[in-house]
Amino acid sequence: MRYTVTLAETGETYPCGETENLLEGMLRLGKKGIPVGCRGGGCGVCKIEVVSGNITTKVMSRDHVSEEDQAAGRVLACRAFPASDITLRVIGLMKKNVCRTKTQALAA
Protein backbone atom coordinates (compact mmCIF):
# COMPACT_ATOMS: atom_id res chain seq x y z
CA MET A 1 0.00 0.00 0.00
CA ARG A 2 1.19 3.54 -0.75
CA TYR A 3 0.79 6.51 1.53
CA THR A 4 1.29 10.25 1.08
CA VAL A 5 4.13 11.86 3.01
CA THR A 6 3.99 15.64 3.49
CA LEU A 7 6.96 17.78 4.52
CA ALA A 8 5.54 20.29 7.03
CA GLU A 9 8.11 22.97 6.23
CA THR A 10 7.38 23.17 2.51
CA GLY A 11 4.06 21.41 1.97
CA GLU A 12 5.74 19.14 -0.60
CA THR A 13 4.39 15.61 -0.83
CA TYR A 14 5.62 12.28 -2.11
CA PRO A 15 4.21 8.75 -2.20
CA CYS A 16 5.89 6.11 -0.05
CA GLY A 17 5.11 2.40 0.16
CA GLU A 18 4.69 0.67 3.51
CA THR A 19 7.82 -1.43 2.88
CA GLU A 20 9.90 1.58 1.81
CA ASN A 21 11.49 3.77 4.48
CA LEU A 22 10.62 7.47 4.45
CA LEU A 23 14.10 8.46 3.27
CA GLU A 24 14.10 5.96 0.35
CA GLY A 25 10.68 7.19 -0.76
CA MET A 26 11.92 10.76 -0.97
CA LEU A 27 15.19 9.86 -2.71
CA ARG A 28 13.46 7.59 -5.25
CA LEU A 29 11.65 10.62 -6.61
CA GLY A 30 14.79 12.77 -6.67
CA LYS A 31 13.34 15.01 -3.98
CA LYS A 32 15.36 16.78 -1.33
CA GLY A 33 14.28 17.84 2.12
CA ILE A 34 15.44 15.17 4.54
CA PRO A 35 19.23 15.24 5.05
CA VAL A 36 20.98 12.01 3.99
CA GLY A 37 23.71 10.30 6.00
CA CYS A 38 24.62 6.65 6.54
CA ARG A 39 21.14 5.31 5.61
CA GLY A 40 21.44 2.65 8.30
CA GLY A 41 20.18 4.28 11.49
CA GLY A 42 23.56 5.08 13.00
CA CYS A 43 24.41 8.70 12.23
CA GLY A 44 21.26 10.66 13.15
CA VAL A 45 21.40 12.96 10.13
CA CYS A 46 17.90 12.09 8.87
CA LYS A 47 16.09 12.74 12.16
CA ILE A 48 12.48 13.76 11.71
CA GLU A 49 9.42 14.36 13.83
CA VAL A 50 6.15 12.76 12.78
CA VAL A 51 3.61 15.56 13.20
CA SER A 52 0.61 13.43 12.23
CA GLY A 53 -0.01 9.90 11.05
CA ASN A 54 1.38 6.49 11.98
CA ILE A 55 4.70 4.78 11.30
CA THR A 56 6.51 1.56 12.08
CA THR A 57 10.24 1.56 12.82
CA LYS A 58 13.34 -0.59 12.82
CA VAL A 59 16.20 -0.38 15.34
CA MET A 60 17.84 3.07 15.58
CA SER A 61 20.96 4.32 17.36
CA ARG A 62 20.05 5.40 20.91
CA ASP A 63 22.88 7.95 20.61
CA HIS A 64 20.56 9.87 18.29
CA VAL A 65 17.03 8.74 19.19
CA SER A 66 16.21 8.13 22.84
CA GLU A 67 13.22 6.07 23.92
CA GLU A 68 11.53 9.35 24.87
CA ASP A 69 12.25 10.80 21.42
CA GLN A 70 10.80 7.75 19.72
CA ALA A 71 7.68 7.80 21.93
CA ALA A 72 7.19 11.47 20.94
CA GLY A 73 7.44 10.65 17.21
CA ARG A 74 11.06 11.75 16.70
CA VAL A 75 12.75 9.03 14.64
CA LEU A 76 15.26 8.48 11.85
CA ALA A 77 13.69 8.60 8.38
CA CYS A 78 15.92 5.76 7.19
CA ARG A 79 14.40 3.47 9.85
CA ALA A 80 10.76 4.63 9.66
CA PHE A 81 8.02 3.23 7.42
CA PRO A 82 4.59 4.78 6.81
CA ALA A 83 1.54 3.00 8.19
CA SER A 84 -0.82 5.82 7.11
CA ASP A 85 -0.57 9.19 5.37
CA ILE A 86 1.88 11.23 7.45
CA THR A 87 3.16 14.75 7.90
CA LEU A 88 6.74 15.10 9.07
CA ARG A 89 9.07 17.87 10.16
CA VAL A 90 12.82 17.63 9.51
CA ILE A 91 14.90 18.10 12.66
CA GLY A 92 18.07 16.17 11.83
CA LEU A 93 21.35 17.77 12.78
CA MET A 94 24.47 15.73 13.30
CA LYS A 95 25.58 15.34 16.91
CA LYS A 96 28.78 13.62 15.81
CA ASN A 97 30.86 13.86 12.66
CA VAL A 98 30.20 10.97 10.29
CA CYS A 99 33.82 11.15 9.16
CA ARG A 100 36.66 13.31 10.30
CA THR A 101 38.07 15.97 8.04
CA LYS A 102 41.73 15.84 7.05
CA THR A 103 42.48 18.68 9.49
CA GLN A 104 40.79 16.82 12.36
CA ALA A 105 42.66 13.62 11.52
CA LEU A 106 46.02 15.43 11.50
CA ALA A 107 45.27 17.10 14.84
CA ALA A 108 44.40 13.78 16.50
PDB file of N, CA and C in Angstrom:
ATOM      1  N   MET A   1       0.842  -1.179   0.000  1.00  0.00           N
ATOM      2  CA  MET A   1       0.000   0.000   0.000  1.00  0.00           C
ATOM      3  C   MET A   1       0.889   1.246   0.000  1.00  0.00           C
ATOM      4  N   ARG A   2       0.454   2.278  -0.685  1.00  0.00           N
ATOM      5  CA  ARG A   2       1.186   3.544  -0.753  1.00  0.00           C
ATOM      6  C   ARG A   2       0.475   4.599   0.078  1.00  0.00           C
ATOM      7  N   TYR A   3       1.302   5.416   0.714  1.00  0.00           N
ATOM      8  CA  TYR A   3       0.789   6.515   1.526  1.00  0.00           C
ATOM      9  C   TYR A   3       1.401   7.823   1.049  1.00  0.00           C
ATOM     10  N   THR A   4       0.769   8.930   1.422  1.00  0.00           N
ATOM     11  CA  THR A   4       1.287  10.250   1.075  1.00  0.00           C
ATOM     12  C   THR A   4       2.050  10.810   2.264  1.00  0.00           C
ATOM     13  N   VAL A   5       3.286  11.233   1.988  1.00  0.00           N
ATOM     14  CA  VAL A   5       4.134  11.856   3.007  1.00  0.00           C
ATOM     15  C   VAL A   5       4.208  13.343   2.680  1.00  0.00           C
ATOM     16  N   THR A   6       3.941  14.186   3.665  1.00  0.00           N
ATOM     17  CA  THR A   6       3.987  15.639   3.491  1.00  0.00           C
ATOM     18  C   THR A   6       5.087  16.216   4.364  1.00  0.00           C
ATOM     19  N   LEU A   7       5.935  17.070   3.762  1.00  0.00           N
ATOM     20  CA  LEU A   7       6.961  17.781   4.521  1.00  0.00           C
ATOM     21  C   LEU A   7       6.321  19.048   5.074  1.00  0.00           C
ATOM     22  N   ALA A   8       6.240  19.165   6.393  1.00  0.00           N
ATOM     23  CA  ALA A   8       5.542  20.285   7.029  1.00  0.00           C
ATOM     24  C   ALA A   8       6.140  21.632   6.648  1.00  0.00           C
ATOM     25  N   GLU A   9       7.457  21.693   6.505  1.00  0.00           N
ATOM     26  CA  GLU A   9       8.114  22.971   6.232  1.00  0.00           C
ATOM     27  C   GLU A   9       7.748  23.554   4.872  1.00  0.00           C
ATOM     28  N   THR A  10       7.582  22.695   3.876  1.00  0.00           N
ATOM     29  CA  THR A  10       7.385  23.175   2.506  1.00  0.00           C
ATOM     30  C   THR A  10       6.026  22.824   1.917  1.00  0.00           C
ATOM     31  N   GLY A  11       5.326  21.871   2.523  1.00  0.00           N
ATOM     32  CA  GLY A  11       4.064  21.412   1.971  1.00  0.00           C
ATOM     33  C   GLY A  11       4.236  20.425   0.826  1.00  0.00           C
ATOM     34  N   GLU A  12       5.493  20.109   0.470  1.00  0.00           N
ATOM     35  CA  GLU A  12       5.743  19.136  -0.598  1.00  0.00           C
ATOM     36  C   GLU A  12       5.269  17.761  -0.153  1.00  0.00           C
ATOM     37  N   THR A  13       4.840  16.963  -1.125  1.00  0.00           N
ATOM     38  CA  THR A  13       4.385  15.610  -0.827  1.00  0.00           C
ATOM     39  C   THR A  13       5.087  14.616  -1.734  1.00  0.00           C
ATOM     40  N   TYR A  14       5.130  13.379  -1.269  1.00  0.00           N
ATOM     41  CA  TYR A  14       5.616  12.284  -2.109  1.00  0.00           C
ATOM     42  C   TYR A  14       4.965  10.987  -1.647  1.00  0.00           C
ATOM     43  N   PRO A  15       4.774  10.041  -2.577  1.00  0.00           N
ATOM     44  CA  PRO A  15       4.211   8.750  -2.196  1.00  0.00           C
ATOM     45  C   PRO A  15       5.301   7.858  -1.616  1.00  0.00           C
ATOM     46  N   CYS A  16       4.930   7.024  -0.659  1.00  0.00           N
ATOM     47  CA  CYS A  16       5.886   6.107  -0.049  1.00  0.00           C
ATOM     48  C   CYS A  16       5.157   4.819   0.303  1.00  0.00           C
ATOM     49  N   GLY A  17       5.701   3.696  -0.131  1.00  0.00           N
ATOM     50  CA  GLY A  17       5.107   2.402   0.164  1.00  0.00           C
ATOM     51  C   GLY A  17       5.384   1.975   1.593  1.00  0.00           C
ATOM     52  N   GLU A  18       4.539   1.089   2.113  1.00  0.00           N
ATOM     53  CA  GLU A  18       4.686   0.667   3.509  1.00  0.00           C
ATOM     54  C   GLU A  18       5.955  -0.143   3.762  1.00  0.00           C
ATOM     55  N   THR A  19       6.574  -0.689   2.712  1.00  0.00           N
ATOM     56  CA  THR A  19       7.825  -1.434   2.881  1.00  0.00           C
ATOM     57  C   THR A  19       9.047  -0.602   2.505  1.00  0.00           C
ATOM     58  N   GLU A  20       8.837   0.662   2.219  1.00  0.00           N
ATOM     59  CA  GLU A  20       9.901   1.581   1.813  1.00  0.00           C
ATOM     60  C   GLU A  20      10.085   2.603   2.936  1.00  0.00           C
ATOM     61  N   ASN A  21      11.334   2.791   3.408  1.00  0.00           N
ATOM     62  CA  ASN A  21      11.485   3.774   4.484  1.00  0.00           C
ATOM     63  C   ASN A  21      11.259   5.184   3.942  1.00  0.00           C
ATOM     64  N   LEU A  22      10.985   6.106   4.842  1.00  0.00           N
ATOM     65  CA  LEU A  22      10.625   7.474   4.451  1.00  0.00           C
ATOM     66  C   LEU A  22      11.732   8.163   3.667  1.00  0.00           C
ATOM     67  N   LEU A  23      12.980   7.863   3.989  1.00  0.00           N
ATOM     68  CA  LEU A  23      14.104   8.460   3.270  1.00  0.00           C
ATOM     69  C   LEU A  23      14.194   7.906   1.849  1.00  0.00           C
ATOM     70  N   GLU A  24      14.057   6.581   1.691  1.00  0.00           N
ATOM     71  CA  GLU A  24      14.097   5.964   0.353  1.00  0.00           C
ATOM     72  C   GLU A  24      12.998   6.517  -0.540  1.00  0.00           C
ATOM     73  N   GLY A  25      11.808   6.674   0.014  1.00  0.00           N
ATOM     74  CA  GLY A  25      10.682   7.187  -0.764  1.00  0.00           C
ATOM     75  C   GLY A  25      10.974   8.556  -1.337  1.00  0.00           C
ATOM     76  N   MET A  26      11.576   9.411  -0.528  1.00  0.00           N
ATOM     77  CA  MET A  26      11.915  10.760  -0.974  1.00  0.00           C
ATOM     78  C   MET A  26      13.018  10.710  -2.031  1.00  0.00           C
ATOM     79  N   LEU A  27      14.058   9.925  -1.778  1.00  0.00           N
ATOM     80  CA  LEU A  27      15.189   9.860  -2.706  1.00  0.00           C
ATOM     81  C   LEU A  27      14.801   9.241  -4.047  1.00  0.00           C
ATOM     82  N   ARG A  28      13.894   8.263  -4.020  1.00  0.00           N
ATOM     83  CA  ARG A  28      13.461   7.592  -5.250  1.00  0.00           C
ATOM     84  C   ARG A  28      12.894   8.592  -6.245  1.00  0.00           C
ATOM     85  N   LEU A  29      12.256   9.622  -5.740  1.00  0.00           N
ATOM     86  CA  LEU A  29      11.649  10.621  -6.610  1.00  0.00           C
ATOM     87  C   LEU A  29      12.588  11.780  -6.915  1.00  0.00           C
ATOM     88  N   GLY A  30      13.826  11.698  -6.427  1.00  0.00           N
ATOM     89  CA  GLY A  30      14.785  12.765  -6.675  1.00  0.00           C
ATOM     90  C   GLY A  30      14.487  14.010  -5.861  1.00  0.00           C
ATOM     91  N   LYS A  31      13.687  13.859  -4.823  1.00  0.00           N
ATOM     92  CA  LYS A  31      13.342  15.012  -3.980  1.00  0.00           C
ATOM     93  C   LYS A  31      14.405  15.223  -2.917  1.00  0.00           C
ATOM     94  N   LYS A  32      14.452  16.448  -2.414  1.00  0.00           N
ATOM     95  CA  LYS A  32      15.358  16.777  -1.327  1.00  0.00           C
ATOM     96  C   LYS A  32      14.525  17.360  -0.209  1.00  0.00           C
ATOM     97  N   GLY A  33      15.012  17.303   0.981  1.00  0.00           N
ATOM     98  CA  GLY A  33      14.275  17.836   2.121  1.00  0.00           C
ATOM     99  C   GLY A  33      14.733  17.192   3.406  1.00  0.00           C
ATOM    100  N   ILE A  34      14.918  15.876   3.380  1.00  0.00           N
ATOM    101  CA  ILE A  34      15.441  15.169   4.539  1.00  0.00           C
ATOM    102  C   ILE A  34      16.938  14.985   4.306  1.00  0.00           C
ATOM    103  N   PRO A  35      17.789  15.438   5.227  1.00  0.00           N
ATOM    104  CA  PRO A  35      19.231  15.241   5.054  1.00  0.00           C
ATOM    105  C   PRO A  35      19.572  13.753   4.988  1.00  0.00           C
ATOM    106  N   VAL A  36      20.576  13.402   4.195  1.00  0.00           N
ATOM    107  CA  VAL A  36      20.979  12.011   3.990  1.00  0.00           C
ATOM    108  C   VAL A  36      22.338  11.774   4.630  1.00  0.00           C
ATOM    109  N   GLY A  37      22.446  10.685   5.388  1.00  0.00           N
ATOM    110  CA  GLY A  37      23.712  10.304   6.005  1.00  0.00           C
ATOM    111  C   GLY A  37      24.046   8.866   5.676  1.00  0.00           C
ATOM    112  N   CYS A  38      24.166   8.038   6.713  1.00  0.00           N
ATOM    113  CA  CYS A  38      24.622   6.652   6.539  1.00  0.00           C
ATOM    114  C   CYS A  38      23.550   5.731   5.966  1.00  0.00           C
ATOM    115  N   ARG A  39      22.292   6.087   6.083  1.00  0.00           N
ATOM    116  CA  ARG A  39      21.141   5.306   5.605  1.00  0.00           C
ATOM    117  C   ARG A  39      20.922   4.004   6.367  1.00  0.00           C
ATOM    118  N   GLY A  40      21.568   3.882   7.533  1.00  0.00           N
ATOM    119  CA  GLY A  40      21.440   2.650   8.300  1.00  0.00           C
ATOM    120  C   GLY A  40      21.037   2.841   9.754  1.00  0.00           C
ATOM    121  N   GLY A  41      20.642   4.047  10.136  1.00  0.00           N
ATOM    122  CA  GLY A  41      20.176   4.285  11.494  1.00  0.00           C
ATOM    123  C   GLY A  41      21.249   4.608  12.512  1.00  0.00           C
ATOM    124  N   GLY A  42      22.473   4.863  12.059  1.00  0.00           N
ATOM    125  CA  GLY A  42      23.559   5.080  13.001  1.00  0.00           C
ATOM    126  C   GLY A  42      24.060   6.494  13.150  1.00  0.00           C
ATOM    127  N   CYS A  43      23.778   7.372  12.189  1.00  0.00           N
ATOM    128  CA  CYS A  43      24.407   8.705  12.230  1.00  0.00           C
ATOM    129  C   CYS A  43      23.491   9.808  12.742  1.00  0.00           C
ATOM    130  N   GLY A  44      22.185   9.656  12.646  1.00  0.00           N
ATOM    131  CA  GLY A  44      21.259  10.657  13.153  1.00  0.00           C
ATOM    132  C   GLY A  44      20.970  11.823  12.229  1.00  0.00           C
ATOM    133  N   VAL A  45      21.558  11.831  11.046  1.00  0.00           N
ATOM    134  CA  VAL A  45      21.398  12.959  10.126  1.00  0.00           C
ATOM    135  C   VAL A  45      19.949  13.120   9.663  1.00  0.00           C
ATOM    136  N   CYS A  46      19.247  12.032   9.446  1.00  0.00           N
ATOM    137  CA  CYS A  46      17.902  12.093   8.865  1.00  0.00           C
ATOM    138  C   CYS A  46      16.795  12.133   9.922  1.00  0.00           C
ATOM    139  N   LYS A  47      17.073  12.702  11.074  1.00  0.00           N
ATOM    140  CA  LYS A  47      16.086  12.742  12.157  1.00  0.00           C
ATOM    141  C   LYS A  47      14.893  13.614  11.767  1.00  0.00           C
ATOM    142  N   ILE A  48      13.730  13.077  12.018  1.00  0.00           N
ATOM    143  CA  ILE A  48      12.476  13.760  11.706  1.00  0.00           C
ATOM    144  C   ILE A  48      11.539  13.676  12.904  1.00  0.00           C
ATOM    145  N   GLU A  49      10.494  14.475  12.858  1.00  0.00           N
ATOM    146  CA  GLU A  49       9.416  14.363  13.832  1.00  0.00           C
ATOM    147  C   GLU A  49       8.133  14.110  13.062  1.00  0.00           C
ATOM    148  N   VAL A  50       7.433  13.056  13.416  1.00  0.00           N
ATOM    149  CA  VAL A  50       6.151  12.758  12.783  1.00  0.00           C
ATOM    150  C   VAL A  50       5.109  13.644  13.460  1.00  0.00           C
ATOM    151  N   VAL A  51       4.582  14.593  12.686  1.00  0.00           N
ATOM    152  CA  VAL A  51       3.610  15.562  13.197  1.00  0.00           C
ATOM    153  C   VAL A  51       2.222  14.940  13.253  1.00  0.00           C
ATOM    154  N   SER A  52       1.891  14.144  12.235  1.00  0.00           N
ATOM    155  CA  SER A  52       0.612  13.434  12.227  1.00  0.00           C
ATOM    156  C   SER A  52       0.763  12.162  11.418  1.00  0.00           C
ATOM    157  N   GLY A  53      -0.054  11.173  11.742  1.00  0.00           N
ATOM    158  CA  GLY A  53      -0.014   9.899  11.050  1.00  0.00           C
ATOM    159  C   GLY A  53       0.708   8.839  11.864  1.00  0.00           C
ATOM    160  N   ASN A  54       0.797   7.642  11.285  1.00  0.00           N
ATOM    161  CA  ASN A  54       1.381   6.491  11.976  1.00  0.00           C
ATOM    162  C   ASN A  54       2.536   5.905  11.180  1.00  0.00           C
ATOM    163  N   ILE A  55       3.540   5.419  11.917  1.00  0.00           N
ATOM    164  CA  ILE A  55       4.702   4.784  11.302  1.00  0.00           C
ATOM    165  C   ILE A  55       5.041   3.505  12.048  1.00  0.00           C
ATOM    166  N   THR A  56       5.841   2.665  11.407  1.00  0.00           N
ATOM    167  CA  THR A  56       6.511   1.560  12.081  1.00  0.00           C
ATOM    168  C   THR A  56       8.002   1.846  11.951  1.00  0.00           C
ATOM    169  N   THR A  57       8.809   1.277  12.852  1.00  0.00           N
ATOM    170  CA  THR A  57      10.243   1.565  12.824  1.00  0.00           C
ATOM    171  C   THR A  57      11.075   0.303  12.979  1.00  0.00           C
ATOM    172  N   LYS A  58      12.318   0.422  12.552  1.00  0.00           N
ATOM    173  CA  LYS A  58      13.339  -0.591  12.820  1.00  0.00           C
ATOM    174  C   LYS A  58      14.282  -0.012  13.865  1.00  0.00           C
ATOM    175  N   VAL A  59      15.244  -0.802  14.310  1.00  0.00           N
ATOM    176  CA  VAL A  59      16.199  -0.384  15.337  1.00  0.00           C
ATOM    177  C   VAL A  59      16.968   0.857  14.894  1.00  0.00           C
ATOM    178  N   MET A  60      17.108   1.824  15.828  1.00  0.00           N
ATOM    179  CA  MET A  60      17.841   3.072  15.579  1.00  0.00           C
ATOM    180  C   MET A  60      18.880   3.264  16.670  1.00  0.00           C
ATOM    181  N   SER A  61      19.922   4.010  16.379  1.00  0.00           N
ATOM    182  CA  SER A  61      20.956   4.325  17.359  1.00  0.00           C
ATOM    183  C   SER A  61      20.360   5.131  18.508  1.00  0.00           C
ATOM    184  N   ARG A  62      20.531   4.662  19.736  1.00  0.00           N
ATOM    185  CA  ARG A  62      20.055   5.398  20.911  1.00  0.00           C
ATOM    186  C   ARG A  62      20.936   6.617  21.187  1.00  0.00           C
ATOM    187  N   ASP A  63      22.081   6.727  20.520  1.00  0.00           N
ATOM    188  CA  ASP A  63      22.882   7.950  20.607  1.00  0.00           C
ATOM    189  C   ASP A  63      22.137   9.120  19.977  1.00  0.00           C
ATOM    190  N   HIS A  64      21.246   8.821  19.039  1.00  0.00           N
ATOM    191  CA  HIS A  64      20.558   9.867  18.290  1.00  0.00           C
ATOM    192  C   HIS A  64      19.058   9.917  18.533  1.00  0.00           C
ATOM    193  N   VAL A  65      18.472   8.795  18.930  1.00  0.00           N
ATOM    194  CA  VAL A  65      17.028   8.741  19.189  1.00  0.00           C
ATOM    195  C   VAL A  65      16.806   8.003  20.506  1.00  0.00           C
ATOM    196  N   SER A  66      16.479   8.753  21.544  1.00  0.00           N
ATOM    197  CA  SER A  66      16.208   8.133  22.845  1.00  0.00           C
ATOM    198  C   SER A  66      14.826   7.475  22.815  1.00  0.00           C
ATOM    199  N   GLU A  67      14.548   6.678  23.826  1.00  0.00           N
ATOM    200  CA  GLU A  67      13.221   6.069  23.918  1.00  0.00           C
ATOM    201  C   GLU A  67      12.148   7.152  24.022  1.00  0.00           C
ATOM    202  N   GLU A  68      12.473   8.242  24.733  1.00  0.00           N
ATOM    203  CA  GLU A  68      11.528   9.355  24.874  1.00  0.00           C
ATOM    204  C   GLU A  68      11.292  10.033  23.523  1.00  0.00           C
ATOM    205  N   ASP A  69      12.383  10.234  22.763  1.00  0.00           N
ATOM    206  CA  ASP A  69      12.251  10.802  21.417  1.00  0.00           C
ATOM    207  C   ASP A  69      11.309   9.951  20.580  1.00  0.00           C
ATOM    208  N   GLN A  70      11.582   8.648  20.552  1.00  0.00           N
ATOM    209  CA  GLN A  70      10.796   7.746  19.721  1.00  0.00           C
ATOM    210  C   GLN A  70       9.326   7.758  20.147  1.00  0.00           C
ATOM    211  N   ALA A  71       9.067   7.767  21.439  1.00  0.00           N
ATOM    212  CA  ALA A  71       7.683   7.800  21.930  1.00  0.00           C
ATOM    213  C   ALA A  71       6.978   9.091  21.518  1.00  0.00           C
ATOM    214  N   ALA A  72       7.758  10.173  21.340  1.00  0.00           N
ATOM    215  CA  ALA A  72       7.193  11.466  20.938  1.00  0.00           C
ATOM    216  C   ALA A  72       7.141  11.637  19.420  1.00  0.00           C
ATOM    217  N   GLY A  73       7.524  10.588  18.670  1.00  0.00           N
ATOM    218  CA  GLY A  73       7.442  10.653  17.213  1.00  0.00           C
ATOM    219  C   GLY A  73       8.694  11.161  16.533  1.00  0.00           C
ATOM    220  N   ARG A  74       9.791  11.324  17.294  1.00  0.00           N
ATOM    221  CA  ARG A  74      11.063  11.748  16.703  1.00  0.00           C
ATOM    222  C   ARG A  74      11.882  10.504  16.403  1.00  0.00           C
ATOM    223  N   VAL A  75      12.103  10.260  15.105  1.00  0.00           N
ATOM    224  CA  VAL A  75      12.750   9.033  14.642  1.00  0.00           C
ATOM    225  C   VAL A  75      13.694   9.346  13.487  1.00  0.00           C
ATOM    226  N   LEU A  76      14.398   8.332  13.016  1.00  0.00           N
ATOM    227  CA  LEU A  76      15.258   8.481  11.845  1.00  0.00           C
ATOM    228  C   LEU A  76      14.484   8.044  10.607  1.00  0.00           C
ATOM    229  N   ALA A  77      14.464   8.881   9.598  1.00  0.00           N
ATOM    230  CA  ALA A  77      13.688   8.604   8.382  1.00  0.00           C
ATOM    231  C   ALA A  77      14.138   7.324   7.692  1.00  0.00           C
ATOM    232  N   CYS A  78      15.418   6.978   7.835  1.00  0.00           N
ATOM    233  CA  CYS A  78      15.925   5.763   7.188  1.00  0.00           C
ATOM    234  C   CYS A  78      15.462   4.495   7.897  1.00  0.00           C
ATOM    235  N   ARG A  79      14.866   4.627   9.075  1.00  0.00           N
ATOM    236  CA  ARG A  79      14.402   3.473   9.848  1.00  0.00           C
ATOM    237  C   ARG A  79      12.901   3.530  10.117  1.00  0.00           C
ATOM    238  N   ALA A  80      12.194   4.443   9.438  1.00  0.00           N
ATOM    239  CA  ALA A  80      10.757   4.626   9.663  1.00  0.00           C
ATOM    240  C   ALA A  80       9.977   4.344   8.381  1.00  0.00           C
ATOM    241  N   PHE A  81       8.857   3.662   8.539  1.00  0.00           N
ATOM    242  CA  PHE A  81       8.025   3.235   7.416  1.00  0.00           C
ATOM    243  C   PHE A  81       6.596   3.724   7.643  1.00  0.00           C
ATOM    244  N   PRO A  82       5.952   4.269   6.610  1.00  0.00           N
ATOM    245  CA  PRO A  82       4.593   4.782   6.807  1.00  0.00           C
ATOM    246  C   PRO A  82       3.588   3.660   7.038  1.00  0.00           C
ATOM    247  N   ALA A  83       2.651   3.909   7.952  1.00  0.00           N
ATOM    248  CA  ALA A  83       1.538   2.997   8.187  1.00  0.00           C
ATOM    249  C   ALA A  83       0.214   3.720   7.929  1.00  0.00           C
ATOM    250  N   SER A  84       0.323   4.986   7.490  1.00  0.00           N
ATOM    251  CA  SER A  84      -0.821   5.816   7.106  1.00  0.00           C
ATOM    252  C   SER A  84      -0.233   7.024   6.383  1.00  0.00           C
ATOM    253  N   ASP A  85      -1.076   7.912   5.881  1.00  0.00           N
ATOM    254  CA  ASP A  85      -0.566   9.187   5.375  1.00  0.00           C
ATOM    255  C   ASP A  85       0.070   9.900   6.561  1.00  0.00           C
ATOM    256  N   ILE A  86       1.214  10.550   6.338  1.00  0.00           N
ATOM    257  CA  ILE A  86       1.875  11.231   7.446  1.00  0.00           C
ATOM    258  C   ILE A  86       2.348  12.625   7.043  1.00  0.00           C
ATOM    259  N   THR A  87       2.504  13.456   8.049  1.00  0.00           N
ATOM    260  CA  THR A  87       3.160  14.752   7.902  1.00  0.00           C
ATOM    261  C   THR A  87       4.371  14.709   8.808  1.00  0.00           C
ATOM    262  N   LEU A  88       5.528  15.127   8.270  1.00  0.00           N
ATOM    263  CA  LEU A  88       6.744  15.104   9.074  1.00  0.00           C
ATOM    264  C   LEU A  88       7.453  16.441   9.032  1.00  0.00           C
ATOM    265  N   ARG A  89       8.256  16.666  10.057  1.00  0.00           N
ATOM    266  CA  ARG A  89       9.073  17.867  10.159  1.00  0.00           C
ATOM    267  C   ARG A  89      10.515  17.411  10.278  1.00  0.00           C
ATOM    268  N   VAL A  90      11.404  17.989   9.486  1.00  0.00           N
ATOM    269  CA  VAL A  90      12.819  17.625   9.509  1.00  0.00           C
ATOM    270  C   VAL A  90      13.487  18.315  10.691  1.00  0.00           C
ATOM    271  N   ILE A  91      14.185  17.526  11.524  1.00  0.00           N
ATOM    272  CA  ILE A  91      14.900  18.099  12.662  1.00  0.00           C
ATOM    273  C   ILE A  91      16.334  17.604  12.741  1.00  0.00           C
ATOM    274  N   GLY A  92      16.758  16.810  11.762  1.00  0.00           N
ATOM    275  CA  GLY A  92      18.068  16.166  11.831  1.00  0.00           C
ATOM    276  C   GLY A  92      19.246  17.108  11.754  1.00  0.00           C
ATOM    277  N   LEU A  93      20.059  17.094  12.773  1.00  0.00           N
ATOM    278  CA  LEU A  93      21.347  17.766  12.781  1.00  0.00           C
ATOM    279  C   LEU A  93      22.336  16.782  13.385  1.00  0.00           C
ATOM    280  N   MET A  94      23.493  16.692  12.812  1.00  0.00           N
ATOM    281  CA  MET A  94      24.468  15.732  13.297  1.00  0.00           C
ATOM    282  C   MET A  94      24.988  16.119  14.679  1.00  0.00           C
ATOM    283  N   LYS A  95      24.972  15.149  15.605  1.00  0.00           N
ATOM    284  CA  LYS A  95      25.581  15.340  16.913  1.00  0.00           C
ATOM    285  C   LYS A  95      27.064  15.005  16.842  1.00  0.00           C
ATOM    286  N   LYS A  96      27.402  14.079  15.959  1.00  0.00           N
ATOM    287  CA  LYS A  96      28.775  13.619  15.814  1.00  0.00           C
ATOM    288  C   LYS A  96      29.139  13.686  14.344  1.00  0.00           C
ATOM    289  N   ASN A  97      30.410  13.898  14.052  1.00  0.00           N
ATOM    290  CA  ASN A  97      30.855  13.862  12.664  1.00  0.00           C
ATOM    291  C   ASN A  97      30.742  12.437  12.149  1.00  0.00           C
ATOM    292  N   VAL A  98      30.267  12.288  10.912  1.00  0.00           N
ATOM    293  CA  VAL A  98      30.201  10.974  10.293  1.00  0.00           C
ATOM    294  C   VAL A  98      31.617  10.524   9.946  1.00  0.00           C
ATOM    295  N   CYS A  99      32.415  11.440   9.424  1.00  0.00           N
ATOM    296  CA  CYS A  99      33.820  11.149   9.158  1.00  0.00           C
ATOM    297  C   CYS A  99      34.624  12.399   9.490  1.00  0.00           C
ATOM    298  N   ARG A 100      35.821  12.186   9.922  1.00  0.00           N
ATOM    299  CA  ARG A 100      36.660  13.314  10.298  1.00  0.00           C
ATOM    300  C   ARG A 100      37.252  13.966   9.062  1.00  0.00           C
ATOM    301  N   THR A 101      37.419  15.270   9.137  1.00  0.00           N
ATOM    302  CA  THR A 101      38.075  15.974   8.037  1.00  0.00           C
ATOM    303  C   THR A 101      39.570  15.728   8.127  1.00  0.00           C
ATOM    304  N   LYS A 102      40.286  16.044   7.073  1.00  0.00           N
ATOM    305  CA  LYS A 102      41.732  15.845   7.054  1.00  0.00           C
ATOM    306  C   LYS A 102      42.385  16.633   8.185  1.00  0.00           C
ATOM    307  N   THR A 103      41.929  17.845   8.426  1.00  0.00           N
ATOM    308  CA  THR A 103      42.482  18.678   9.494  1.00  0.00           C
ATOM    309  C   THR A 103      42.263  18.028  10.855  1.00  0.00           C
ATOM    310  N   GLN A 104      41.065  17.481  11.093  1.00  0.00           N
ATOM    311  CA  GLN A 104      40.786  16.818  12.360  1.00  0.00           C
ATOM    312  C   GLN A 104      41.657  15.581  12.530  1.00  0.00           C
ATOM    313  N   ALA A 105      41.847  14.830  11.458  1.00  0.00           N
ATOM    314  CA  ALA A 105      42.657  13.616  11.521  1.00  0.00           C
ATOM    315  C   ALA A 105      44.112  13.954  11.836  1.00  0.00           C
ATOM    316  N   LEU A 106      44.634  15.031  11.254  1.00  0.00           N
ATOM    317  CA  LEU A 106      46.016  15.431  11.501  1.00  0.00           C
ATOM    318  C   LEU A 106      46.208  15.930  12.925  1.00  0.00           C
ATOM    319  N   ALA A 107      45.175  16.562  13.482  1.00  0.00           N
ATOM    320  CA  ALA A 107      45.266  17.103  14.836  1.00  0.00           C
ATOM    321  C   ALA A 107      45.171  16.011  15.897  1.00  0.00           C
ATOM    322  N   ALA A 108      44.613  14.869  15.536  1.00  0.00           N
ATOM    323  CA  ALA A 108      44.398  13.777  16.501  1.00  0.00           C
ATOM    324  C   ALA A 108      45.670  13.049  16.858  1.00  0.00           C
TER     325      ALA A 108
END
